[in-house]
Amino acid sequence: MPDHPRFENLEGLRGTGKSTLAPMLAAARQAVLVATVPPLYQPLRRAVDERTNVEARMCLYLSALFTAAEEIQHHLDAGVPVVVESYFARCLATHRALGARLSITLPSWLPKPVTYHLVCDDDERQRRLGGRNKPASRWDALIETVPDRVTDAYASFPMHRVDTTGRSPDEVLRVITDTDTQGAHSHADTEPVGAHPHLLPAVPRHVAGTRRP
């Protein structure tokens, strides 16, 4: 068994390719694909998503992620590589963009993944979203009103930028698997972004349709 099994994470806006790439990357790495919103949280997720309190939603997703982190650590301790689609970065970045004012400092014991930030030209991303059968939730629609804020909030986290524009899933997978996470790649920016990636300061923004205390 490897001494340091891989833990990899795909981040990005809806339509950048996370859901398609995650199982492909897991298969390529012979890794387990861990759901970062575990099944036991799904009924609560649906109930909270029907409400309008952004802090309540953020806390639910944080709880789900901490629960998933225990499963992730269990696999890593057993020498099993792990892939996830979205981790703490997405939860914190999206809720920050939607106006959450909670200050969160993540504990140092959390498993820390190598993260790939998938980006895509917005016209192509919107075409991808338009071709989906799954309807967008109210929260999905709200996030689409502030994509630049989400991207700005993502800058607090060290990630490798991977552009999926005009590339097939197989091509994007090759970009990821060919990336040397200790060095550089022509399609991946490996420079960490943000001096304090585990600290998300309070943000006094408010988006129409969300409730502030």
C-alpha atoms as a PDB file:
ATOM      1  CA  MET A   1       0.000   0.000   0.000  1.00  0.00           C
ATOM      2  CA  PRO A   2       1.264   3.521  -0.744  1.00  0.00           C
ATOM      3  CA  ASP A   3       2.583   5.521   2.176  1.00  0.00           C
ATOM      4  CA  HIS A   4       0.669   8.584   1.041  1.00  0.00           C
ATOM      5  CA  PRO A   5      -2.480   7.686  -0.893  1.00  0.00           C
ATOM      6  CA  ARG A   6      -3.790  10.411  -3.153  1.00  0.00           C
ATOM      7  CA  PHE A   7      -6.632  12.633  -2.026  1.00  0.00           C
ATOM      8  CA  GLU A   8      -7.930  14.725  -4.927  1.00  0.00           C
ATOM      9  CA  ASN A   9     -10.794  17.165  -5.198  1.00  0.00           C
ATOM     10  CA  LEU A  10     -12.595  18.814  -8.111  1.00  0.00           C
ATOM     11  CA  GLU A  11     -13.964  22.320  -7.574  1.00  0.00           C
ATOM     12  CA  GLY A  12     -15.676  24.867  -9.787  1.00  0.00           C
ATOM     13  CA  LEU A  13     -18.941  26.409 -10.863  1.00  0.00           C
ATOM     14  CA  ARG A  14     -21.838  24.291 -12.135  1.00  0.00           C
ATOM     15  CA  GLY A  15     -21.257  23.186 -15.707  1.00  0.00           C
ATOM     16  CA  THR A  16     -17.458  23.109 -15.561  1.00  0.00           C
ATOM     17  CA  GLY A  17     -17.335  19.308 -15.575  1.00  0.00           C
ATOM     18  CA  LYS A  18     -17.022  18.204 -11.942  1.00  0.00           C
ATOM     19  CA  SER A  19     -19.759  15.551 -11.951  1.00  0.00           C
ATOM     20  CA  THR A  20     -18.516  14.034 -15.200  1.00  0.00           C
ATOM     21  CA  LEU A  21     -14.841  14.072 -14.265  1.00  0.00           C
ATOM     22  CA  ALA A  22     -15.078  12.853 -10.656  1.00  0.00           C
ATOM     23  CA  PRO A  23     -15.933   9.192 -11.401  1.00  0.00           C
ATOM     24  CA  MET A  24     -13.491   9.185 -14.323  1.00  0.00           C
ATOM     25  CA  LEU A  25     -10.677  10.448 -12.095  1.00  0.00           C
ATOM     26  CA  ALA A  26     -11.584   7.946  -9.381  1.00  0.00           C
ATOM     27  CA  ALA A  27     -11.416   5.101 -11.908  1.00  0.00           C
ATOM     28  CA  ALA A  28      -8.102   6.344 -13.285  1.00  0.00           C
ATOM     29  CA  ARG A  29      -6.602   6.550  -9.795  1.00  0.00           C
ATOM     30  CA  GLN A  30      -8.231   3.316  -8.578  1.00  0.00           C
ATOM     31  CA  ALA A  31      -9.685   5.491  -5.851  1.00  0.00           C
ATOM     32  CA  VAL A  32     -12.920   5.518  -3.908  1.00  0.00           C
ATOM     33  CA  LEU A  33     -15.329   8.332  -4.802  1.00  0.00           C
ATOM     34  CA  VAL A  34     -16.664   9.743  -1.536  1.00  0.00           C
ATOM     35  CA  ALA A  35     -19.879  11.764  -1.439  1.00  0.00           C
ATOM     36  CA  THR A  36     -19.237  14.977   0.469  1.00  0.00           C
ATOM     37  CA  VAL A  37     -22.936  15.215   1.338  1.00  0.00           C
ATOM     38  CA  PRO A  38     -23.454  11.742   2.859  1.00  0.00           C
ATOM     39  CA  PRO A  39     -26.795   9.963   2.294  1.00  0.00           C
ATOM     40  CA  LEU A  40     -28.013  10.601   5.843  1.00  0.00           C
ATOM     41  CA  TYR A  41     -27.883  14.351   5.115  1.00  0.00           C
ATOM     42  CA  GLN A  42     -29.931  14.249   1.919  1.00  0.00           C
ATOM     43  CA  PRO A  43     -33.394  14.653   3.542  1.00  0.00           C
ATOM     44  CA  LEU A  44     -32.078  17.538   5.660  1.00  0.00           C
ATOM     45  CA  ARG A  45     -30.415  19.024   2.595  1.00  0.00           C
ATOM     46  CA  ARG A  46     -33.694  19.069   0.698  1.00  0.00           C
ATOM     47  CA  ALA A  47     -35.522  20.609   3.649  1.00  0.00           C
ATOM     48  CA  VAL A  48     -32.937  23.336   4.274  1.00  0.00           C
ATOM     49  CA  ASP A  49     -32.646  24.116   0.558  1.00  0.00           C
ATOM     50  CA  GLU A  50     -36.343  25.014   0.598  1.00  0.00           C
ATOM     51  CA  ARG A  51     -35.658  27.752   3.134  1.00  0.00           C
ATOM     52  CA  THR A  52     -33.885  31.073   2.679  1.00  0.00           C
ATOM     53  CA  ASN A  53     -31.358  31.325   5.526  1.00  0.00           C
ATOM     54  CA  VAL A  54     -27.893  31.223   3.983  1.00  0.00           C
ATOM     55  CA  GLU A  55     -26.113  30.725   7.322  1.00  0.00           C
ATOM     56  CA  ALA A  56     -28.341  27.746   8.188  1.00  0.00           C
ATOM     57  CA  ARG A  57     -27.599  26.201   4.797  1.00  0.00           C
ATOM     58  CA  MET A  58     -23.873  26.816   5.207  1.00  0.00           C
ATOM     59  CA  CYS A  59     -23.847  25.130   8.624  1.00  0.00           C
ATOM     60  CA  LEU A  60     -25.690  22.082   7.286  1.00  0.00           C
ATOM     61  CA  TYR A  61     -23.184  21.663   4.465  1.00  0.00           C
ATOM     62  CA  LEU A  62     -20.277  22.132   6.861  1.00  0.00           C
ATOM     63  CA  SER A  63     -21.667  19.401   9.100  1.00  0.00           C
ATOM     64  CA  ALA A  64     -22.014  17.088   6.099  1.00  0.00           C
ATOM     65  CA  LEU A  65     -18.445  17.817   5.044  1.00  0.00           C
ATOM     66  CA  PHE A  66     -17.025  17.131   8.509  1.00  0.00           C
ATOM     67  CA  THR A  67     -18.878  13.800   8.493  1.00  0.00           C
ATOM     68  CA  ALA A  68     -17.486  12.995   5.038  1.00  0.00           C
ATOM     69  CA  ALA A  69     -13.998  14.002   6.201  1.00  0.00           C
ATOM     70  CA  GLU A  70     -14.062  11.196   8.773  1.00  0.00           C
ATOM     71  CA  GLU A  71     -14.825   8.659   6.018  1.00  0.00           C
ATOM     72  CA  ILE A  72     -12.122  10.163   3.813  1.00  0.00           C
ATOM     73  CA  GLN A  73      -9.551   9.893   6.590  1.00  0.00           C
ATOM     74  CA  HIS A  74     -10.554   6.276   7.213  1.00  0.00           C
ATOM     75  CA  HIS A  75      -9.835   5.406   3.572  1.00  0.00           C
ATOM     76  CA  LEU A  76      -6.559   7.310   3.559  1.00  0.00           C
ATOM     77  CA  ASP A  77      -5.426   5.603   6.759  1.00  0.00           C
ATOM     78  CA  ALA A  78      -6.098   2.275   5.035  1.00  0.00           C
ATOM     79  CA  GLY A  79      -3.946   3.322   2.085  1.00  0.00           C
ATOM     80  CA  VAL A  80      -6.908   3.824  -0.257  1.00  0.00           C
ATOM     81  CA  PRO A  81      -6.832   6.887  -2.544  1.00  0.00           C
ATOM     82  CA  VAL A  82      -9.868   9.170  -2.491  1.00  0.00           C
ATOM     83  CA  VAL A  83     -11.542  11.484  -4.994  1.00  0.00           C
ATOM     84  CA  VAL A  84     -14.310  13.946  -4.114  1.00  0.00           C
ATOM     85  CA  GLU A  85     -16.443  16.315  -6.114  1.00  0.00           C
ATOM     86  CA  SER A  86     -16.439  19.556  -4.096  1.00  0.00           C
ATOM     87  CA  TYR A  87     -15.035  19.893  -0.589  1.00  0.00           C
ATOM     88  CA  PHE A  88     -14.850  22.721   1.939  1.00  0.00           C
ATOM     89  CA  ALA A  89     -13.728  25.233  -0.688  1.00  0.00           C
ATOM     90  CA  ARG A  90     -17.029  25.086  -2.578  1.00  0.00           C
ATOM     91  CA  CYS A  91     -19.135  25.300   0.575  1.00  0.00           C
ATOM     92  CA  LEU A  92     -17.243  28.302   1.893  1.00  0.00           C
ATOM     93  CA  ALA A  93     -16.818  30.073  -1.452  1.00  0.00           C
ATOM     94  CA  THR A  94     -20.441  29.764  -2.567  1.00  0.00           C
ATOM     95  CA  HIS A  95     -21.958  30.734   0.772  1.00  0.00           C
ATOM     96  CA  ARG A  96     -19.534  33.618   1.090  1.00  0.00           C
ATOM     97  CA  ALA A  97     -20.630  34.825  -2.354  1.00  0.00           C
ATOM     98  CA  LEU A  98     -24.263  34.545  -1.275  1.00  0.00           C
ATOM     99  CA  GLY A  99     -23.672  36.761   1.736  1.00  0.00           C
ATOM    100  CA  ALA A 100     -22.890  34.407   4.631  1.00  0.00           C
ATOM    101  CA  ARG A 101     -21.244  36.350   7.449  1.00  0.00           C
ATOM    102  CA  LEU A 102     -19.893  33.468   9.526  1.00  0.00           C
ATOM    103  CA  SER A 103     -16.156  33.438  10.180  1.00  0.00           C
ATOM    104  CA  ILE A 104     -14.868  29.899   9.756  1.00  0.00           C
ATOM    105  CA  THR A 105     -11.426  28.568  10.655  1.00  0.00           C
ATOM    106  CA  LEU A 106     -11.009  24.975   9.490  1.00  0.00           C
ATOM    107  CA  PRO A 107      -9.147  22.685  11.914  1.00  0.00           C
ATOM    108  CA  SER A 108      -5.683  21.550  10.939  1.00  0.00           C
ATOM    109  CA  TRP A 109      -6.554  17.840  11.246  1.00  0.00           C
ATOM    110  CA  LEU A 110      -8.820  17.835   8.201  1.00  0.00           C
ATOM    111  CA  PRO A 111      -7.598  15.720   5.262  1.00  0.00           C
ATOM    112  CA  LYS A 112      -6.182  18.173   2.720  1.00  0.00           C
ATOM    113  CA  PRO A 113      -6.656  17.308  -0.944  1.00  0.00           C
ATOM    114  CA  VAL A 114      -4.844  18.275  -4.074  1.00  0.00           C
ATOM    115  CA  THR A 115      -7.549  20.424  -5.635  1.00  0.00           C
ATOM    116  CA  TYR A 116      -8.253  21.073  -9.299  1.00  0.00           C
ATOM    117  CA  HIS A 117     -10.283  24.182 -10.006  1.00  0.00           C
ATOM    118  CA  LEU A 118     -12.234  23.505 -13.203  1.00  0.00           C
ATOM    119  CA  VAL A 119     -13.051  26.633 -15.188  1.00  0.00           C
ATOM    120  CA  CYS A 120     -14.899  27.095 -18.447  1.00  0.00           C
ATOM    121  CA  ASP A 121     -15.828  29.890 -20.821  1.00  0.00           C
ATOM    122  CA  ASP A 122     -19.200  31.137 -19.613  1.00  0.00           C
ATOM    123  CA  ASP A 123     -20.980  30.756 -22.955  1.00  0.00           C
ATOM    124  CA  GLU A 124     -19.966  27.108 -23.129  1.00  0.00           C
ATOM    125  CA  ARG A 125     -20.790  26.592 -19.461  1.00  0.00           C
ATOM    126  CA  GLN A 126     -24.288  27.970 -19.988  1.00  0.00           C
ATOM    127  CA  ARG A 127     -24.782  25.693 -23.001  1.00  0.00           C
ATOM    128  CA  ARG A 128     -23.801  22.721 -20.867  1.00  0.00           C
ATOM    129  CA  LEU A 129     -26.247  23.755 -18.162  1.00  0.00           C
ATOM    130  CA  GLY A 130     -28.985  24.230 -20.748  1.00  0.00           C
ATOM    131  CA  GLY A 131     -28.487  20.664 -21.946  1.00  0.00           C
ATOM    132  CA  ARG A 132     -29.040  19.139 -18.506  1.00  0.00           C
ATOM    133  CA  ASN A 133     -32.242  17.308 -17.626  1.00  0.00           C
ATOM    134  CA  LYS A 134     -31.902  18.157 -13.948  1.00  0.00           C
ATOM    135  CA  PRO A 135     -33.695  21.410 -13.084  1.00  0.00           C
ATOM    136  CA  ALA A 136     -31.758  24.114 -11.286  1.00  0.00           C
ATOM    137  CA  SER A 137     -32.658  24.681  -7.658  1.00  0.00           C
ATOM    138  CA  ARG A 138     -33.410  28.099  -6.218  1.00  0.00           C
ATOM    139  CA  TRP A 139     -29.898  28.149  -4.708  1.00  0.00           C
ATOM    140  CA  ASP A 140     -28.351  27.142  -8.028  1.00  0.00           C
ATOM    141  CA  ALA A 141     -30.147  30.076  -9.627  1.00  0.00           C
ATOM    142  CA  LEU A 142     -28.923  32.456  -6.916  1.00  0.00           C
ATOM    143  CA  ILE A 143     -25.324  31.305  -7.358  1.00  0.00           C
ATOM    144  CA  GLU A 144     -25.620  31.965 -11.095  1.00  0.00           C
ATOM    145  CA  THR A 145     -26.280  35.632 -10.258  1.00  0.00           C
ATOM    146  CA  VAL A 146     -22.894  35.952  -8.509  1.00  0.00           C
ATOM    147  CA  PRO A 147     -20.403  33.695 -10.374  1.00  0.00           C
ATOM    148  CA  ASP A 148     -17.641  36.296 -10.174  1.00  0.00           C
ATOM    149  CA  ARG A 149     -18.036  36.473  -6.387  1.00  0.00           C
ATOM    150  CA  VAL A 150     -17.751  32.692  -6.171  1.00  0.00           C
ATOM    151  CA  THR A 151     -14.602  32.761  -8.305  1.00  0.00           C
ATOM    152  CA  ASP A 152     -13.137  35.543  -6.148  1.00  0.00           C
ATOM    153  CA  ALA A 153     -13.884  33.556  -2.987  1.00  0.00           C
ATOM    154  CA  TYR A 154     -12.241  30.462  -4.474  1.00  0.00           C
ATOM    155  CA  ALA A 155      -9.022  32.481  -4.674  1.00  0.00           C
ATOM    156  CA  SER A 156      -8.603  31.951  -0.903  1.00  0.00           C
ATOM    157  CA  PHE A 157      -7.784  28.285  -1.516  1.00  0.00           C
ATOM    158  CA  PRO A 158      -4.693  26.672  -3.069  1.00  0.00           C
ATOM    159  CA  MET A 159      -5.836  24.984  -6.285  1.00  0.00           C
ATOM    160  CA  HIS A 160      -4.596  23.922  -9.711  1.00  0.00           C
ATOM    161  CA  ARG A 161      -6.548  25.742 -12.411  1.00  0.00           C
ATOM    162  CA  VAL A 162      -7.731  23.496 -15.253  1.00  0.00           C
ATOM    163  CA  ASP A 163      -9.589  25.007 -18.216  1.00  0.00           C
ATOM    164  CA  THR A 164     -12.228  22.619 -19.592  1.00  0.00           C
ATOM    165  CA  THR A 165     -13.359  24.921 -22.419  1.00  0.00           C
ATOM    166  CA  GLY A 166     -13.529  23.085 -25.736  1.00  0.00           C
ATOM    167  CA  ARG A 167     -12.130  19.889 -24.264  1.00  0.00           C
ATOM    168  CA  SER A 168     -13.757  16.480 -24.024  1.00  0.00           C
ATOM    169  CA  PRO A 169     -13.929  14.786 -20.622  1.00  0.00           C
ATOM    170  CA  ASP A 170     -11.131  12.422 -21.705  1.00  0.00           C
ATOM    171  CA  GLU A 171      -8.946  15.384 -22.662  1.00  0.00           C
ATOM    172  CA  VAL A 172      -9.580  17.109 -19.331  1.00  0.00           C
ATOM    173  CA  LEU A 173      -8.818  13.893 -17.492  1.00  0.00           C
ATOM    174  CA  ARG A 174      -5.475  13.665 -19.285  1.00  0.00           C
ATOM    175  CA  VAL A 175      -4.680  17.244 -18.289  1.00  0.00           C
ATOM    176  CA  ILE A 176      -5.357  16.365 -14.643  1.00  0.00           C
ATOM    177  CA  THR A 177      -3.515  13.051 -14.600  1.00  0.00           C
ATOM    178  CA  ASP A 178      -0.550  14.563 -16.452  1.00  0.00           C
ATOM    179  CA  THR A 179      -0.266  17.420 -13.964  1.00  0.00           C
ATOM    180  CA  ASP A 180       2.792  17.211 -11.754  1.00  0.00           C
ATOM    181  CA  THR A 181       1.444  18.487  -8.456  1.00  0.00           C
ATOM    182  CA  GLN A 182       4.987  19.278  -7.369  1.00  0.00           C
ATOM    183  CA  GLY A 183       5.674  21.362 -10.446  1.00  0.00           C
ATOM    184  CA  ALA A 184       3.832  22.877 -13.361  1.00  0.00           C
ATOM    185  CA  HIS A 185       1.713  21.901 -16.331  1.00  0.00           C
ATOM    186  CA  SER A 186       0.891  23.868 -19.454  1.00  0.00           C
ATOM    187  CA  HIS A 187      -2.855  23.734 -18.730  1.00  0.00           C
ATOM    188  CA  ALA A 188      -2.777  23.854 -14.945  1.00  0.00           C
ATOM    189  CA  ASP A 189      -1.752  26.735 -12.726  1.00  0.00           C
ATOM    190  CA  THR A 190      -0.097  25.070  -9.740  1.00  0.00           C
ATOM    191  CA  GLU A 191       0.616  28.222  -7.747  1.00  0.00           C
ATOM    192  CA  PRO A 192      -1.275  28.246  -4.440  1.00  0.00           C
ATOM    193  CA  VAL A 193      -3.669  31.164  -4.154  1.00  0.00           C
ATOM    194  CA  GLY A 194      -4.284  32.932  -0.872  1.00  0.00           C
ATOM    195  CA  ALA A 195      -1.987  33.337   2.103  1.00  0.00           C
ATOM    196  CA  HIS A 196      -4.440  31.806   4.588  1.00  0.00           C
ATOM    197  CA  PRO A 197      -6.381  29.063   2.796  1.00  0.00           C
ATOM    198  CA  HIS A 198      -8.049  27.741   5.938  1.00  0.00           C
ATOM    199  CA  LEU A 199      -9.515  31.059   7.099  1.00  0.00           C
ATOM    200  CA  LEU A 200     -12.647  32.516   5.564  1.00  0.00           C
ATOM    201  CA  PRO A 201     -13.435  35.968   6.961  1.00  0.00           C
ATOM    202  CA  ALA A 202     -16.927  37.269   7.425  1.00  0.00           C
ATOM    203  CA  VAL A 203     -18.368  38.938   4.332  1.00  0.00           C
ATOM    204  CA  PRO A 204     -21.106  41.560   4.798  1.00  0.00           C
ATOM    205  CA  ARG A 205     -22.727  40.935   1.402  1.00  0.00           C
ATOM    206  CA  HIS A 206     -26.400  40.227   0.848  1.00  0.00           C
ATOM    207  CA  VAL A 207     -28.052  38.675  -2.184  1.00  0.00           C
ATOM    208  CA  ALA A 208     -31.704  39.256  -2.954  1.00  0.00           C
ATOM    209  CA  GLY A 209     -33.750  36.295  -1.795  1.00  0.00           C
ATOM    210  CA  THR A 210     -31.567  35.322   1.157  1.00  0.00           C
ATOM    211  CA  ARG A 211     -32.317  36.275   4.740  1.00  0.00           C
ATOM    212  CA  ARG A 212     -29.912  38.008   7.061  1.00  0.00           C
ATOM    213  CA  PRO A 213     -30.296  37.672  10.818  1.00  0.00           C
END
